[in-house]
Amino acid sequence: MTKIGENFSEKAKGDYELIQRAIHKKDDSAYTELMSRYKDSIYFMLLKMVRNKDDAEDLTLEAFGKAFMNLEQYSPKFAFSTWLFRIASNNCIDHLRKKKMETTSIDIDYSSDDNNAPYIFLPSTGRNPEEEAIRNQKFKLMRELVSELKPQYKLLIEMRYFKGLSYDEISTELDLSLGTVKAQLYRARKTLEEIIKPKMDYI
């Protein structure tokens, strides 16, 4: 049996037991318990980084998704919380880097007679007819893929990503706890990813 860190707290030891249940017994309740232990602290850390509640919620879910999908790679030399926070922060840094790259650059031309009033050129963000047609086709295909999910997962994906509802709004509308909404949305996204993989060339 792998030896855990000598300085592990009781909570860290409990985390390790939950991880073993999740890996070897495929125990869904172990995943839920791990999420409930750390979701708030992960969320508030990410909120400080991105300063946007919706982004922080999505990134929190992504962090747990990545951690759970790679749980067998976790080394008990370190506390699970340390490993999880590293995954969450690295994922958030990648998100911020991509977002910065997507930001439209502004070219300023000081050739004006009045140097205090430079000309600012912004590239057009409008789509041409071909790009719009491709976008609509992809959106239609994504709708069809989502329809393959079981009803509860389909409903959650539609509410979150097509209607743009927050986790709190979904929780209220479906009369589910916030933790349940996040856990089920994670499973819904994971299932959708498996459906999408064979069709990536078309999306």
N, C-alpha and C. Protein backbone atom coordinates (compact mmCIF):
# COMPACT_ATOMS: atom_id res chain seq x y z
N MET A 1 0.84 -1.20 0.00
CA MET A 1 0.00 0.00 0.00
C MET A 1 0.88 1.26 0.00
N THR A 2 0.52 2.25 -0.78
CA THR A 2 1.29 3.49 -0.86
C THR A 2 1.28 4.21 0.49
N LYS A 3 2.46 4.65 0.90
CA LYS A 3 2.57 5.35 2.18
C LYS A 3 2.19 6.81 2.00
N ILE A 4 1.32 7.29 2.89
CA ILE A 4 0.90 8.67 2.81
C ILE A 4 1.87 9.55 3.59
N GLY A 5 1.77 10.85 3.37
CA GLY A 5 2.68 11.78 4.03
C GLY A 5 2.61 11.66 5.55
N GLU A 6 3.79 11.71 6.19
CA GLU A 6 3.86 11.53 7.64
C GLU A 6 3.18 12.67 8.40
N ASN A 7 3.16 13.85 7.78
CA ASN A 7 2.60 15.02 8.47
C ASN A 7 1.14 15.26 8.11
N PHE A 8 0.48 14.29 7.51
CA PHE A 8 -0.92 14.45 7.11
C PHE A 8 -1.80 14.71 8.33
N SER A 9 -2.70 15.68 8.18
CA SER A 9 -3.70 15.94 9.22
C SER A 9 -4.79 14.87 9.12
N GLU A 10 -5.68 14.85 10.09
CA GLU A 10 -6.78 13.88 10.05
C GLU A 10 -7.66 14.11 8.82
N LYS A 11 -7.83 15.37 8.45
CA LYS A 11 -8.63 15.68 7.26
C LYS A 11 -7.95 15.16 6.01
N ALA A 12 -6.64 15.33 5.92
CA ALA A 12 -5.89 14.84 4.76
C ALA A 12 -5.96 13.32 4.66
N LYS A 13 -5.90 12.66 5.81
CA LYS A 13 -6.03 11.20 5.83
C LYS A 13 -7.43 10.79 5.38
N GLY A 14 -8.42 11.56 5.80
CA GLY A 14 -9.80 11.29 5.37
C GLY A 14 -9.95 11.48 3.87
N ASP A 15 -9.29 12.51 3.33
CA ASP A 15 -9.31 12.73 1.88
C ASP A 15 -8.74 11.52 1.15
N TYR A 16 -7.64 10.99 1.68
CA TYR A 16 -6.98 9.85 1.04
C TYR A 16 -7.91 8.63 1.02
N GLU A 17 -8.63 8.43 2.10
CA GLU A 17 -9.58 7.31 2.16
C GLU A 17 -10.70 7.49 1.14
N LEU A 18 -11.16 8.72 0.99
CA LEU A 18 -12.20 9.01 -0.01
C LEU A 18 -11.67 8.76 -1.43
N ILE A 19 -10.42 9.13 -1.66
CA ILE A 19 -9.81 8.91 -2.98
C ILE A 19 -9.74 7.43 -3.30
N GLN A 20 -9.36 6.63 -2.30
CA GLN A 20 -9.30 5.19 -2.51
C GLN A 20 -10.67 4.60 -2.83
N ARG A 21 -11.70 5.10 -2.15
CA ARG A 21 -13.07 4.65 -2.43
C ARG A 21 -13.49 5.04 -3.84
N ALA A 22 -13.12 6.26 -4.23
CA ALA A 22 -13.48 6.75 -5.56
C ALA A 22 -12.80 5.94 -6.66
N ILE A 23 -11.50 5.64 -6.46
CA ILE A 23 -10.73 4.93 -7.48
C ILE A 23 -11.11 3.46 -7.56
N HIS A 24 -11.10 2.81 -6.41
CA HIS A 24 -11.24 1.35 -6.39
C HIS A 24 -12.68 0.85 -6.31
N LYS A 25 -13.56 1.66 -5.72
CA LYS A 25 -14.94 1.22 -5.58
C LYS A 25 -15.91 2.01 -6.45
N LYS A 26 -15.35 2.98 -7.21
CA LYS A 26 -16.18 3.83 -8.08
C LYS A 26 -17.36 4.42 -7.30
N ASP A 27 -17.04 4.88 -6.10
CA ASP A 27 -18.06 5.38 -5.17
C ASP A 27 -18.38 6.85 -5.47
N ASP A 28 -19.56 7.11 -6.04
CA ASP A 28 -19.96 8.48 -6.38
C ASP A 28 -20.02 9.38 -5.15
N SER A 29 -20.41 8.81 -4.01
CA SER A 29 -20.52 9.62 -2.80
C SER A 29 -19.15 10.13 -2.35
N ALA A 30 -18.09 9.40 -2.69
CA ALA A 30 -16.74 9.84 -2.33
C ALA A 30 -16.37 11.09 -3.13
N TYR A 31 -16.73 11.08 -4.42
CA TYR A 31 -16.49 12.27 -5.26
C TYR A 31 -17.27 13.47 -4.72
N THR A 32 -18.53 13.23 -4.37
CA THR A 32 -19.37 14.31 -3.86
C THR A 32 -18.82 14.88 -2.57
N GLU A 33 -18.32 14.01 -1.69
CA GLU A 33 -17.76 14.46 -0.42
C GLU A 33 -16.49 15.27 -0.63
N LEU A 34 -15.63 14.82 -1.55
CA LEU A 34 -14.41 15.57 -1.84
C LEU A 34 -14.74 16.95 -2.39
N MET A 35 -15.75 17.01 -3.25
CA MET A 35 -16.16 18.29 -3.81
C MET A 35 -16.73 19.21 -2.74
N SER A 36 -17.55 18.66 -1.86
CA SER A 36 -18.17 19.49 -0.83
C SER A 36 -17.13 20.04 0.15
N ARG A 37 -16.05 19.29 0.36
CA ARG A 37 -15.01 19.73 1.28
C ARG A 37 -14.24 20.95 0.76
N TYR A 38 -14.07 21.03 -0.56
CA TYR A 38 -13.16 22.04 -1.10
C TYR A 38 -13.76 23.02 -2.10
N LYS A 39 -15.01 22.80 -2.50
CA LYS A 39 -15.57 23.64 -3.57
C LYS A 39 -15.60 25.12 -3.20
N ASP A 40 -15.94 25.45 -1.96
CA ASP A 40 -16.02 26.86 -1.57
C ASP A 40 -14.65 27.53 -1.56
N SER A 41 -13.66 26.85 -0.98
CA SER A 41 -12.32 27.46 -0.92
C SER A 41 -11.70 27.58 -2.32
N ILE A 42 -11.95 26.58 -3.17
CA ILE A 42 -11.46 26.66 -4.56
C ILE A 42 -12.15 27.81 -5.28
N TYR A 43 -13.46 27.90 -5.11
CA TYR A 43 -14.24 28.96 -5.78
C TYR A 43 -13.74 30.35 -5.40
N PHE A 44 -13.54 30.59 -4.10
CA PHE A 44 -13.14 31.93 -3.67
C PHE A 44 -11.71 32.25 -4.09
N MET A 45 -10.85 31.24 -4.16
CA MET A 45 -9.49 31.47 -4.67
C MET A 45 -9.56 31.90 -6.14
N LEU A 46 -10.38 31.18 -6.92
CA LEU A 46 -10.49 31.48 -8.35
C LEU A 46 -11.20 32.81 -8.58
N LEU A 47 -12.16 33.14 -7.73
CA LEU A 47 -12.87 34.40 -7.86
C LEU A 47 -11.92 35.58 -7.70
N LYS A 48 -10.95 35.45 -6.80
CA LYS A 48 -9.95 36.50 -6.62
C LYS A 48 -9.08 36.65 -7.87
N MET A 49 -8.90 35.53 -8.58
CA MET A 49 -8.04 35.55 -9.76
C MET A 49 -8.77 36.10 -10.99
N VAL A 50 -10.02 35.70 -11.18
CA VAL A 50 -10.73 36.10 -12.41
C VAL A 50 -11.70 37.26 -12.21
N ARG A 51 -12.13 37.49 -10.95
CA ARG A 51 -13.04 38.60 -10.62
C ARG A 51 -14.34 38.54 -11.41
N ASN A 52 -14.82 37.33 -11.63
CA ASN A 52 -16.08 37.14 -12.33
C ASN A 52 -16.73 35.88 -11.78
N LYS A 53 -17.92 36.01 -11.21
CA LYS A 53 -18.55 34.88 -10.53
C LYS A 53 -18.82 33.70 -11.45
N ASP A 54 -19.35 33.98 -12.65
CA ASP A 54 -19.66 32.89 -13.57
C ASP A 54 -18.40 32.15 -14.00
N ASP A 55 -17.34 32.90 -14.32
CA ASP A 55 -16.07 32.28 -14.71
C ASP A 55 -15.51 31.46 -13.56
N ALA A 56 -15.61 32.00 -12.34
CA ALA A 56 -15.08 31.29 -11.17
C ALA A 56 -15.84 29.98 -10.94
N GLU A 57 -17.16 30.01 -11.15
CA GLU A 57 -17.97 28.80 -10.99
C GLU A 57 -17.60 27.75 -12.03
N ASP A 58 -17.45 28.18 -13.28
CA ASP A 58 -17.08 27.25 -14.35
C ASP A 58 -15.68 26.68 -14.11
N LEU A 59 -14.76 27.52 -13.70
CA LEU A 59 -13.40 27.07 -13.46
C LEU A 59 -13.31 26.13 -12.25
N THR A 60 -14.16 26.36 -11.27
CA THR A 60 -14.23 25.46 -10.11
C THR A 60 -14.64 24.07 -10.56
N LEU A 61 -15.68 24.02 -11.39
CA LEU A 61 -16.17 22.75 -11.91
C LEU A 61 -15.10 22.07 -12.77
N GLU A 62 -14.41 22.87 -13.59
CA GLU A 62 -13.35 22.33 -14.44
C GLU A 62 -12.22 21.75 -13.60
N ALA A 63 -11.87 22.44 -12.51
CA ALA A 63 -10.78 21.98 -11.65
C ALA A 63 -11.11 20.61 -11.05
N PHE A 64 -12.33 20.46 -10.54
CA PHE A 64 -12.72 19.16 -9.99
C PHE A 64 -12.79 18.11 -11.10
N GLY A 65 -13.26 18.51 -12.27
CA GLY A 65 -13.33 17.58 -13.39
C GLY A 65 -11.95 17.04 -13.74
N LYS A 66 -10.97 17.93 -13.83
CA LYS A 66 -9.61 17.51 -14.17
C LYS A 66 -9.01 16.66 -13.06
N ALA A 67 -9.26 17.06 -11.81
CA ALA A 67 -8.73 16.30 -10.69
C ALA A 67 -9.33 14.89 -10.65
N PHE A 68 -10.63 14.79 -10.82
CA PHE A 68 -11.29 13.49 -10.74
C PHE A 68 -10.90 12.57 -11.90
N MET A 69 -10.69 13.16 -13.08
CA MET A 69 -10.31 12.35 -14.24
C MET A 69 -8.87 11.85 -14.12
N ASN A 70 -8.07 12.54 -13.29
CA ASN A 70 -6.66 12.15 -13.13
C ASN A 70 -6.34 11.71 -11.71
N LEU A 71 -7.36 11.25 -11.02
CA LEU A 71 -7.22 10.90 -9.60
C LEU A 71 -6.16 9.83 -9.37
N GLU A 72 -6.02 8.91 -10.32
CA GLU A 72 -5.03 7.83 -10.15
C GLU A 72 -3.60 8.35 -10.21
N GLN A 73 -3.42 9.56 -10.72
CA GLN A 73 -2.08 10.15 -10.80
C GLN A 73 -1.71 10.89 -9.52
N TYR A 74 -2.68 11.05 -8.62
CA TYR A 74 -2.42 11.76 -7.36
C TYR A 74 -1.40 10.99 -6.52
N SER A 75 -0.40 11.70 -6.03
CA SER A 75 0.61 11.10 -5.17
C SER A 75 0.34 11.46 -3.72
N PRO A 76 0.16 10.47 -2.85
CA PRO A 76 -0.14 10.75 -1.44
C PRO A 76 1.05 11.28 -0.65
N LYS A 77 2.14 11.62 -1.35
CA LYS A 77 3.25 12.29 -0.66
C LYS A 77 2.83 13.69 -0.25
N PHE A 78 1.83 14.21 -0.97
CA PHE A 78 1.31 15.54 -0.70
C PHE A 78 -0.17 15.46 -0.37
N ALA A 79 -0.66 16.42 0.38
CA ALA A 79 -2.09 16.45 0.71
C ALA A 79 -2.91 16.63 -0.56
N PHE A 80 -4.08 16.01 -0.61
CA PHE A 80 -4.96 16.14 -1.77
C PHE A 80 -5.30 17.60 -2.02
N SER A 81 -5.50 18.36 -0.95
CA SER A 81 -5.87 19.78 -1.10
C SER A 81 -4.78 20.55 -1.84
N THR A 82 -3.50 20.25 -1.54
CA THR A 82 -2.38 20.91 -2.22
C THR A 82 -2.41 20.61 -3.71
N TRP A 83 -2.61 19.34 -4.03
CA TRP A 83 -2.67 18.89 -5.43
C TRP A 83 -3.85 19.54 -6.17
N LEU A 84 -5.01 19.57 -5.51
CA LEU A 84 -6.22 20.13 -6.10
C LEU A 84 -6.07 21.63 -6.35
N PHE A 85 -5.54 22.35 -5.37
CA PHE A 85 -5.36 23.80 -5.53
C PHE A 85 -4.38 24.11 -6.65
N ARG A 86 -3.36 23.26 -6.82
CA ARG A 86 -2.40 23.47 -7.91
C ARG A 86 -3.09 23.28 -9.27
N ILE A 87 -3.91 22.25 -9.37
CA ILE A 87 -4.67 22.02 -10.61
C ILE A 87 -5.57 23.21 -10.91
N ALA A 88 -6.29 23.67 -9.88
CA ALA A 88 -7.23 24.78 -10.05
C ALA A 88 -6.51 26.07 -10.47
N SER A 89 -5.40 26.38 -9.82
CA SER A 89 -4.69 27.62 -10.12
C SER A 89 -4.04 27.56 -11.51
N ASN A 90 -3.45 26.40 -11.87
CA ASN A 90 -2.84 26.26 -13.20
C ASN A 90 -3.89 26.36 -14.30
N ASN A 91 -5.06 25.75 -14.07
CA ASN A 91 -6.14 25.81 -15.04
C ASN A 91 -6.64 27.24 -15.21
N CYS A 92 -6.69 27.96 -14.10
CA CYS A 92 -7.14 29.35 -14.13
C CYS A 92 -6.14 30.23 -14.86
N ILE A 93 -4.86 29.99 -14.64
CA ILE A 93 -3.81 30.75 -15.34
C ILE A 93 -3.91 30.52 -16.84
N ASP A 94 -4.16 29.27 -17.24
CA ASP A 94 -4.34 28.96 -18.67
C ASP A 94 -5.55 29.71 -19.23
N HIS A 95 -6.63 29.74 -18.44
CA HIS A 95 -7.85 30.45 -18.85
C HIS A 95 -7.57 31.93 -19.05
N LEU A 96 -6.86 32.55 -18.10
CA LEU A 96 -6.56 33.98 -18.20
C LEU A 96 -5.63 34.27 -19.37
N ARG A 97 -4.70 33.35 -19.62
CA ARG A 97 -3.77 33.53 -20.74
C ARG A 97 -4.53 33.48 -22.07
N LYS A 98 -5.44 32.52 -22.20
CA LYS A 98 -6.23 32.40 -23.43
C LYS A 98 -7.14 33.61 -23.61
N LYS A 99 -7.71 34.06 -22.50
CA LYS A 99 -8.61 35.22 -22.56
C LYS A 99 -7.84 36.46 -22.99
N LYS A 100 -6.61 36.59 -22.51
CA LYS A 100 -5.79 37.75 -22.88
C LYS A 100 -5.45 37.70 -24.36
N MET A 101 -5.18 36.50 -24.87
CA MET A 101 -4.84 36.35 -26.29
C MET A 101 -6.04 36.67 -27.18
N GLU A 102 -7.25 36.40 -26.64
CA GLU A 102 -8.46 36.64 -27.43
C GLU A 102 -8.89 38.11 -27.42
N THR A 103 -8.30 38.88 -26.48
CA THR A 103 -8.67 40.30 -26.37
C THR A 103 -8.24 41.06 -27.63
N THR A 104 -9.15 41.82 -28.18
CA THR A 104 -8.85 42.59 -29.39
C THR A 104 -7.79 43.64 -29.10
N SER A 105 -6.75 43.64 -29.90
CA SER A 105 -5.70 44.64 -29.72
C SER A 105 -6.17 45.96 -30.32
N ILE A 106 -5.70 47.03 -29.77
CA ILE A 106 -6.07 48.37 -30.25
C ILE A 106 -4.83 49.03 -30.83
N ASP A 107 -4.91 49.38 -32.11
CA ASP A 107 -3.81 50.07 -32.77
C ASP A 107 -4.08 51.57 -32.74
N ILE A 108 -3.15 52.31 -32.19
CA ILE A 108 -3.32 53.76 -32.08
C ILE A 108 -2.39 54.47 -33.06
N ASP A 109 -2.95 55.37 -33.82
CA ASP A 109 -2.18 56.12 -34.80
C ASP A 109 -2.11 57.59 -34.35
N TYR A 110 -0.90 58.04 -34.06
CA TYR A 110 -0.72 59.41 -33.60
C TYR A 110 -0.41 60.37 -34.75
N SER A 111 -0.84 60.00 -35.98
CA SER A 111 -0.58 60.85 -37.15
C SER A 111 -1.54 62.02 -37.23
N SER A 112 -2.49 62.07 -36.30
CA SER A 112 -3.43 63.18 -36.29
C SER A 112 -2.69 64.49 -36.00
N ASP A 113 -3.26 65.60 -36.48
CA ASP A 113 -2.67 66.91 -36.18
C ASP A 113 -2.69 67.18 -34.69
N ASP A 114 -3.72 66.65 -34.04
CA ASP A 114 -3.86 66.85 -32.60
C ASP A 114 -3.39 65.59 -31.90
N ASN A 115 -2.18 65.60 -31.35
CA ASN A 115 -1.63 64.40 -30.72
C ASN A 115 -2.39 63.99 -29.47
N ASN A 116 -3.21 64.87 -28.95
CA ASN A 116 -4.00 64.51 -27.78
C ASN A 116 -5.27 63.75 -28.14
N ALA A 117 -5.53 63.62 -29.45
CA ALA A 117 -6.73 62.91 -29.89
C ALA A 117 -6.36 61.90 -30.96
N PRO A 118 -5.69 60.82 -30.57
CA PRO A 118 -5.24 59.82 -31.53
C PRO A 118 -6.39 59.09 -32.19
N TYR A 119 -6.13 58.62 -33.44
CA TYR A 119 -7.11 57.77 -34.10
C TYR A 119 -6.99 56.36 -33.53
N ILE A 120 -8.08 55.73 -33.26
CA ILE A 120 -8.06 54.35 -32.75
C ILE A 120 -8.78 53.46 -33.74
N PHE A 121 -8.09 52.44 -34.23
CA PHE A 121 -8.67 51.53 -35.19
C PHE A 121 -9.00 50.20 -34.52
N LEU A 122 -10.24 49.80 -34.57
CA LEU A 122 -10.67 48.51 -34.01
C LEU A 122 -11.09 47.60 -35.15
N PRO A 123 -10.51 46.38 -35.23
CA PRO A 123 -10.93 45.46 -36.29
C PRO A 123 -12.38 45.06 -36.12
N SER A 124 -13.05 44.86 -37.21
CA SER A 124 -14.46 44.48 -37.16
C SER A 124 -14.64 43.13 -36.50
N THR A 125 -15.62 43.03 -35.59
CA THR A 125 -15.89 41.76 -34.91
C THR A 125 -17.07 41.04 -35.55
N GLY A 126 -17.67 41.63 -36.57
CA GLY A 126 -18.82 41.01 -37.23
C GLY A 126 -18.40 39.80 -38.05
N ARG A 127 -19.28 38.81 -38.15
CA ARG A 127 -19.00 37.61 -38.95
C ARG A 127 -19.50 37.81 -40.36
N ASN A 128 -18.74 37.27 -41.32
CA ASN A 128 -19.24 37.30 -42.68
C ASN A 128 -20.27 36.18 -42.84
N PRO A 129 -21.05 36.18 -43.94
CA PRO A 129 -22.11 35.17 -44.12
C PRO A 129 -21.62 33.73 -44.00
N GLU A 130 -20.42 33.45 -44.51
CA GLU A 130 -19.90 32.07 -44.45
C GLU A 130 -19.60 31.67 -43.00
N GLU A 131 -18.98 32.58 -42.24
CA GLU A 131 -18.67 32.29 -40.83
C GLU A 131 -19.95 32.11 -40.02
N GLU A 132 -20.96 32.93 -40.33
CA GLU A 132 -22.24 32.83 -39.62
C GLU A 132 -22.92 31.49 -39.91
N ALA A 133 -22.84 31.04 -41.17
CA ALA A 133 -23.45 29.76 -41.56
C ALA A 133 -22.77 28.60 -40.85
N ILE A 134 -21.43 28.66 -40.77
CA ILE A 134 -20.66 27.61 -40.08
C ILE A 134 -21.01 27.59 -38.60
N ARG A 135 -21.11 28.79 -38.01
CA ARG A 135 -21.46 28.89 -36.59
C ARG A 135 -22.82 28.28 -36.32
N ASN A 136 -23.80 28.60 -37.15
CA ASN A 136 -25.15 28.07 -36.98
C ASN A 136 -25.18 26.55 -37.13
N GLN A 137 -24.37 26.05 -38.08
CA GLN A 137 -24.31 24.61 -38.30
C GLN A 137 -23.73 23.91 -37.07
N LYS A 138 -22.66 24.48 -36.51
CA LYS A 138 -22.04 23.91 -35.32
C LYS A 138 -22.99 23.94 -34.13
N PHE A 139 -23.72 25.06 -34.00
CA PHE A 139 -24.67 25.20 -32.90
C PHE A 139 -25.77 24.14 -33.01
N LYS A 140 -26.25 23.91 -34.24
CA LYS A 140 -27.29 22.91 -34.46
C LYS A 140 -26.78 21.52 -34.11
N LEU A 141 -25.52 21.22 -34.52
CA LEU A 141 -24.93 19.92 -34.22
C LEU A 141 -24.77 19.74 -32.71
N MET A 142 -24.34 20.80 -32.02
CA MET A 142 -24.17 20.73 -30.58
C MET A 142 -25.50 20.46 -29.89
N ARG A 143 -26.55 21.09 -30.37
CA ARG A 143 -27.90 20.85 -29.84
C ARG A 143 -28.27 19.38 -30.00
N GLU A 144 -27.95 18.81 -31.16
CA GLU A 144 -28.27 17.41 -31.42
C GLU A 144 -27.49 16.48 -30.48
N LEU A 145 -26.24 16.82 -30.22
CA LEU A 145 -25.42 16.00 -29.32
C LEU A 145 -25.93 16.07 -27.88
N VAL A 146 -26.34 17.27 -27.48
CA VAL A 146 -26.88 17.44 -26.13
C VAL A 146 -28.17 16.63 -25.97
N SER A 147 -28.94 16.53 -27.04
CA SER A 147 -30.21 15.78 -26.98
C SER A 147 -29.98 14.29 -26.73
N GLU A 148 -28.74 13.81 -26.90
CA GLU A 148 -28.42 12.40 -26.65
C GLU A 148 -28.21 12.11 -25.16
N LEU A 149 -28.07 13.16 -24.37
CA LEU A 149 -27.89 12.99 -22.94
C LEU A 149 -29.19 12.53 -22.28
N LYS A 150 -29.08 11.90 -21.12
CA LYS A 150 -30.30 11.55 -20.41
C LYS A 150 -30.98 12.83 -19.93
N PRO A 151 -32.30 12.81 -19.75
CA PRO A 151 -33.08 14.03 -19.51
C PRO A 151 -32.52 15.00 -18.48
N GLN A 152 -32.09 14.50 -17.31
CA GLN A 152 -31.61 15.40 -16.26
C GLN A 152 -30.34 16.13 -16.70
N TYR A 153 -29.42 15.41 -17.34
CA TYR A 153 -28.18 16.02 -17.80
C TYR A 153 -28.47 17.02 -18.93
N LYS A 154 -29.36 16.65 -19.83
CA LYS A 154 -29.74 17.54 -20.93
C LYS A 154 -30.31 18.85 -20.39
N LEU A 155 -31.17 18.74 -19.39
CA LEU A 155 -31.79 19.92 -18.79
C LEU A 155 -30.74 20.83 -18.17
N LEU A 156 -29.80 20.26 -17.44
CA LEU A 156 -28.76 21.05 -16.78
C LEU A 156 -27.86 21.76 -17.79
N ILE A 157 -27.46 21.05 -18.84
CA ILE A 157 -26.61 21.66 -19.87
C ILE A 157 -27.34 22.80 -20.56
N GLU A 158 -28.61 22.59 -20.88
CA GLU A 158 -29.38 23.63 -21.55
C GLU A 158 -29.55 24.86 -20.67
N MET A 159 -29.84 24.62 -19.38
CA MET A 159 -30.05 25.75 -18.47
C MET A 159 -28.76 26.55 -18.28
N ARG A 160 -27.64 25.83 -18.16
CA ARG A 160 -26.38 26.51 -17.88
C ARG A 160 -25.77 27.16 -19.11
N TYR A 161 -25.72 26.43 -20.24
CA TYR A 161 -24.95 26.90 -21.39
C TYR A 161 -25.78 27.48 -22.53
N PHE A 162 -27.05 27.11 -22.62
CA PHE A 162 -27.88 27.68 -23.67
C PHE A 162 -28.71 28.85 -23.13
N LYS A 163 -29.19 28.73 -21.89
CA LYS A 163 -29.98 29.81 -21.30
C LYS A 163 -29.11 30.76 -20.48
N GLY A 164 -27.90 30.30 -20.12
CA GLY A 164 -26.97 31.17 -19.39
C GLY A 164 -27.33 31.39 -17.93
N LEU A 165 -28.06 30.44 -17.32
CA LEU A 165 -28.43 30.59 -15.91
C LEU A 165 -27.23 30.32 -15.01
N SER A 166 -27.19 30.98 -13.86
CA SER A 166 -26.12 30.75 -12.90
C SER A 166 -26.42 29.47 -12.12
N TYR A 167 -25.43 28.98 -11.39
CA TYR A 167 -25.64 27.77 -10.59
C TYR A 167 -26.74 28.01 -9.54
N ASP A 168 -26.72 29.20 -8.96
CA ASP A 168 -27.73 29.52 -7.95
C ASP A 168 -29.14 29.50 -8.56
N GLU A 169 -29.27 30.05 -9.76
CA GLU A 169 -30.58 30.09 -10.43
C GLU A 169 -31.06 28.68 -10.78
N ILE A 170 -30.13 27.83 -11.22
CA ILE A 170 -30.50 26.44 -11.53
C ILE A 170 -30.91 25.72 -10.26
N SER A 171 -30.16 25.95 -9.18
CA SER A 171 -30.46 25.33 -7.89
C SER A 171 -31.87 25.70 -7.42
N THR A 172 -32.21 26.98 -7.55
CA THR A 172 -33.54 27.45 -7.13
C THR A 172 -34.64 26.89 -8.02
N GLU A 173 -34.41 26.92 -9.35
CA GLU A 173 -35.44 26.49 -10.29
C GLU A 173 -35.73 24.99 -10.19
N LEU A 174 -34.68 24.20 -9.95
CA LEU A 174 -34.86 22.74 -9.88
C LEU A 174 -35.04 22.23 -8.45
N ASP A 175 -34.96 23.14 -7.49
CA ASP A 175 -35.09 22.79 -6.08
C ASP A 175 -34.05 21.73 -5.69
N LEU A 176 -32.80 21.98 -6.09
CA LEU A 176 -31.69 21.10 -5.77
C LEU A 176 -30.64 21.89 -5.00
N SER A 177 -29.86 21.21 -4.18
CA SER A 177 -28.78 21.91 -3.48
C SER A 177 -27.73 22.34 -4.48
N LEU A 178 -26.97 23.38 -4.13
CA LEU A 178 -25.95 23.89 -5.02
C LEU A 178 -24.90 22.82 -5.31
N GLY A 179 -24.55 22.04 -4.27
CA GLY A 179 -23.57 20.98 -4.44
C GLY A 179 -24.04 19.91 -5.42
N THR A 180 -25.33 19.58 -5.35
CA THR A 180 -25.90 18.58 -6.26
C THR A 180 -25.88 19.09 -7.69
N VAL A 181 -26.24 20.36 -7.88
CA VAL A 181 -26.23 20.95 -9.22
C VAL A 181 -24.83 20.88 -9.82
N LYS A 182 -23.82 21.27 -9.04
CA LYS A 182 -22.44 21.29 -9.54
C LYS A 182 -21.94 19.87 -9.83
N ALA A 183 -22.25 18.93 -8.95
CA ALA A 183 -21.81 17.55 -9.15
C ALA A 183 -22.46 16.94 -10.38
N GLN A 184 -23.77 17.19 -10.56
CA GLN A 184 -24.48 16.63 -11.71
C GLN A 184 -24.05 17.31 -13.01
N LEU A 185 -23.77 18.61 -12.94
CA LEU A 185 -23.30 19.31 -14.14
C LEU A 185 -21.92 18.79 -14.55
N TYR A 186 -21.10 18.48 -13.57
CA TYR A 186 -19.79 17.90 -13.87
C TYR A 186 -19.96 16.57 -14.61
N ARG A 187 -20.85 15.71 -14.11
CA ARG A 187 -21.09 14.42 -14.77
C ARG A 187 -21.70 14.62 -16.15
N ALA A 188 -22.59 15.62 -16.27
CA ALA A 188 -23.23 15.89 -17.57
C ALA A 188 -22.19 16.33 -18.59
N ARG A 189 -21.27 17.19 -18.18
CA ARG A 189 -20.23 17.66 -19.08
C ARG A 189 -19.28 16.52 -19.47
N LYS A 190 -18.98 15.67 -18.50
CA LYS A 190 -18.08 14.55 -18.78
C LYS A 190 -18.74 13.59 -19.79
N THR A 191 -20.04 13.33 -19.61
CA THR A 191 -20.77 12.46 -20.54
C THR A 191 -20.82 13.09 -21.92
N LEU A 192 -21.06 14.41 -21.97
CA LEU A 192 -21.13 15.12 -23.24
C LEU A 192 -19.78 15.06 -23.96
N GLU A 193 -18.69 15.16 -23.21
CA GLU A 193 -17.36 15.09 -23.80
C GLU A 193 -17.15 13.74 -24.49
N GLU A 194 -17.65 12.68 -23.87
CA GLU A 194 -17.50 11.34 -24.46
C GLU A 194 -18.31 11.22 -25.76
N ILE A 195 -19.46 11.90 -25.80
CA ILE A 195 -20.29 11.89 -27.00
C ILE A 195 -19.63 12.70 -28.12
N ILE A 196 -18.99 13.82 -27.73
CA ILE A 196 -18.40 14.73 -28.69
C ILE A 196 -17.11 14.19 -29.31
N LYS A 197 -16.30 13.47 -28.53
CA LYS A 197 -14.99 13.03 -28.99
C LYS A 197 -14.98 12.42 -30.39
N PRO A 198 -15.86 11.45 -30.70
CA PRO A 198 -15.82 10.85 -32.05
C PRO A 198 -16.23 11.81 -33.15
N LYS A 199 -16.83 12.94 -32.77
CA LYS A 199 -17.35 13.87 -33.77
C LYS A 199 -16.59 15.19 -33.83
N MET A 200 -15.40 15.21 -33.21
CA MET A 200 -14.64 16.46 -33.11
C MET A 200 -14.32 17.09 -34.46
N ASP A 201 -14.16 16.27 -35.50
CA ASP A 201 -13.84 16.81 -36.82
C ASP A 201 -14.97 17.64 -37.42
N TYR A 202 -16.18 17.45 -36.86
CA TYR A 202 -17.34 18.15 -37.41
C TYR A 202 -17.75 19.36 -36.58
N ILE A 203 -17.11 19.56 -35.44
CA ILE A 203 -17.52 20.64 -34.53
C ILE A 203 -16.52 21.80 -34.58
